[in-house]
C-alpha atoms as a PDB file:
ATOM      1  CA  MET A   1      11.573 -40.003 101.716  1.00  0.00           C
ATOM      2  CA  ASN A   2       9.101 -37.150 101.499  1.00  0.00           C
ATOM      3  CA  ILE A   3       5.542 -37.707 100.745  1.00  0.00           C
ATOM      4  CA  LYS A   4       3.988 -34.268 100.724  1.00  0.00           C
ATOM      5  CA  SER A   5       5.245 -30.883 100.181  1.00  0.00           C
ATOM      6  CA  TRP A   6       3.626 -27.411 100.078  1.00  0.00           C
ATOM      7  CA  LYS A   7       5.151 -23.665  99.472  1.00  0.00           C
ATOM      8  CA  PHE A   8       4.418 -21.141 102.118  1.00  0.00           C
ATOM      9  CA  THR A   9       3.205 -18.079  99.959  1.00  0.00           C
ATOM     10  CA  GLY A  10       1.988 -16.280 102.823  1.00  0.00           C
ATOM     11  CA  PHE A  11      -0.764 -16.070 105.320  1.00  0.00           C
ATOM     12  CA  LYS A  12      -3.377 -15.237 102.572  1.00  0.00           C
ATOM     13  CA  SER A  13      -2.955 -18.793 101.063  1.00  0.00           C
ATOM     14  CA  THR A  14      -5.064 -21.951 102.363  1.00  0.00           C
ATOM     15  CA  PHE A  15      -3.190 -24.279 104.528  1.00  0.00           C
ATOM     16  CA  PRO A  16      -3.617 -28.038 103.819  1.00  0.00           C
ATOM     17  CA  ASP A  17      -4.641 -29.993 106.819  1.00  0.00           C
ATOM     18  CA  TRP A  18      -1.305 -31.457 107.445  1.00  0.00           C
ATOM     19  CA  VAL A  19       0.537 -28.014 107.530  1.00  0.00           C
ATOM     20  CA  ALA A  20      -2.386 -26.586 109.723  1.00  0.00           C
ATOM     21  CA  GLU A  21      -1.806 -29.347 112.319  1.00  0.00           C
ATOM     22  CA  ASN A  22       2.049 -28.948 112.315  1.00  0.00           C
ATOM     23  CA  THR A  23       2.330 -25.207 112.263  1.00  0.00           C
ATOM     24  CA  SER A  24       1.750 -22.016 114.374  1.00  0.00           C
ATOM     25  CA  LYS A  25       1.579 -18.184 113.962  1.00  0.00           C
ATOM     26  CA  ARG A  26       3.004 -15.789 116.549  1.00  0.00           C
ATOM     27  CA  ALA A  27       1.706 -12.323 117.007  1.00  0.00           C
ATOM     28  CA  GLY A  28       3.919  -9.656 115.620  1.00  0.00           C
ATOM     29  CA  SER A  29       6.174 -12.412 113.232  1.00  0.00           C
ATOM     30  CA  ASN A  30       5.961 -12.878 109.475  1.00  0.00           C
ATOM     31  CA  HIS A  31       7.217 -16.109 109.723  1.00  0.00           C
ATOM     32  CA  LEU A  32       5.363 -19.419 110.133  1.00  0.00           C
ATOM     33  CA  TRP A  33       6.488 -21.454 112.927  1.00  0.00           C
ATOM     34  CA  VAL A  34       6.806 -25.152 112.046  1.00  0.00           C
ATOM     35  CA  HIS A  35       7.128 -27.880 114.693  1.00  0.00           C
ATOM     36  CA  THR A  36       9.741 -29.952 113.261  1.00  0.00           C
ATOM     37  CA  GLN A  37      11.222 -32.957 115.372  1.00  0.00           C
ATOM     38  CA  TYR A  38      14.092 -30.812 116.317  1.00  0.00           C
ATOM     39  CA  GLY A  39      11.700 -27.792 117.702  1.00  0.00           C
ATOM     40  CA  GLU A  40       9.870 -25.050 116.546  1.00  0.00           C
ATOM     41  CA  ALA A  41      11.419 -23.413 113.349  1.00  0.00           C
ATOM     42  CA  PRO A  42      10.441 -20.244 111.253  1.00  0.00           C
ATOM     43  CA  ALA A  43       9.309 -20.646 107.911  1.00  0.00           C
ATOM     44  CA  ARG A  44       9.642 -17.429 105.643  1.00  0.00           C
ATOM     45  CA  VAL A  45       7.575 -16.908 102.431  1.00  0.00           C
ATOM     46  CA  GLY A  46       8.844 -19.015  99.506  1.00  0.00           C
ATOM     47  CA  GLU A  47      10.228 -21.826 101.610  1.00  0.00           C
ATOM     48  CA  TRP A  48       9.100 -25.563 100.799  1.00  0.00           C
ATOM     49  CA  ILE A  49       7.262 -27.443 104.205  1.00  0.00           C
ATOM     50  CA  SER A  50       7.313 -31.514 103.562  1.00  0.00           C
ATOM     51  CA  ILE A  51       6.130 -34.277 105.651  1.00  0.00           C
ATOM     52  CA  ASN A  52       7.710 -37.694 105.506  1.00  0.00           C
ATOM     53  CA  LEU A  53       6.456 -41.487 106.164  1.00  0.00           C
ATOM     54  CA  ARG A  54       6.991 -41.348 109.763  1.00  0.00           C
ATOM     55  CA  GLY A  55       5.285 -37.959 109.999  1.00  0.00           C
ATOM     56  CA  HIS A  56       8.209 -35.468 110.509  1.00  0.00           C
ATOM     57  CA  VAL A  57       7.897 -32.160 109.234  1.00  0.00           C
ATOM     58  CA  ASP A  58      10.802 -30.269 107.584  1.00  0.00           C
ATOM     59  CA  ILE A  59      11.865 -26.927 106.129  1.00  0.00           C
ATOM     60  CA  HIS A  60      13.626 -26.600 102.716  1.00  0.00           C
ATOM     61  CA  SER A  61      15.003 -23.669 100.681  1.00  0.00           C
ATOM     62  CA  ASP A  62      13.676 -25.459  97.256  1.00  0.00           C
ATOM     63  CA  LYS A  63      11.381 -28.080  96.380  1.00  0.00           C
ATOM     64  CA  PRO A  64      12.028 -31.199  98.221  1.00  0.00           C
ATOM     65  CA  ASN A  65      12.961 -34.390  96.304  1.00  0.00           C
ATOM     66  CA  ARG A  66      10.381 -36.893  96.095  1.00  0.00           C
ATOM     67  CA  GLY A  67      12.772 -39.788  95.956  1.00  0.00           C
ATOM     68  CA  TRP A  68       9.990 -42.617  95.133  1.00  0.00           C
ATOM     69  CA  SER A  69      10.128 -41.989  91.886  1.00  0.00           C
ATOM     70  CA  LYS A  70      13.752 -42.580  91.385  1.00  0.00           C
ATOM     71  CA  LYS A  71      13.740 -45.851  93.717  1.00  0.00           C
ATOM     72  CA  MET A  72      10.941 -47.025  91.297  1.00  0.00           C
ATOM     73  CA  MET A  73      12.828 -46.688  88.251  1.00  0.00           C
ATOM     74  CA  ALA A  74      16.027 -48.101  89.630  1.00  0.00           C
ATOM     75  CA  GLY A  75      13.769 -51.332  91.070  1.00  0.00           C
ATOM     76  CA  SER A  76      12.440 -51.775  87.675  1.00  0.00           C
ATOM     77  CA  ALA A  77      15.657 -51.746  85.996  1.00  0.00           C
ATOM     78  CA  PHE A  78      17.158 -54.011  88.061  1.00  0.00           C
ATOM     79  CA  ALA A  79      14.196 -56.304  88.036  1.00  0.00           C
ATOM     80  CA  VAL A  80      14.725 -56.240  84.265  1.00  0.00           C
ATOM     81  CA  ILE A  81      18.029 -56.854  84.149  1.00  0.00           C
ATOM     82  CA  VAL A  82      17.820 -59.863  86.418  1.00  0.00           C
ATOM     83  CA  PHE A  83      15.076 -60.905  83.984  1.00  0.00           C
ATOM     84  CA  VAL A  84      17.216 -60.794  80.908  1.00  0.00           C
ATOM     85  CA  LEU A  85      20.197 -62.536  82.478  1.00  0.00           C
ATOM     86  CA  LEU A  86      17.873 -65.294  83.468  1.00  0.00           C
ATOM     87  CA  VAL A  87      16.508 -65.872  80.016  1.00  0.00           C
ATOM     88  CA  THR A  88      19.852 -65.861  78.629  1.00  0.00           C
ATOM     89  CA  VAL A  89      21.427 -68.303  81.126  1.00  0.00           C
ATOM     90  CA  VAL A  90      18.303 -70.525  80.442  1.00  0.00           C
ATOM     91  CA  ALA A  91      18.777 -70.197  76.766  1.00  0.00           C
ATOM     92  CA  LEU A  92      22.049 -71.576  76.633  1.00  0.00           C
END
């Protein structure tokens, strides 16, 4: 589950601390080099960089999904259904 994401818009933009700690710039390269768990990978302008709960950094072509909201909604719906079924069973 991704907890933070940031769009790379070029080197003139300000970098969040977690991006600055996990990236580097190479002389003569227009890419931002991201230190992923698989090795260094180039991030081009317009790509998204995300970090998950374990601290692993990844590159995405479109905005990464923040899955916690969907999981929270699904968990809440499940709790409501269980509560309704429990009330129905007790009422009989």
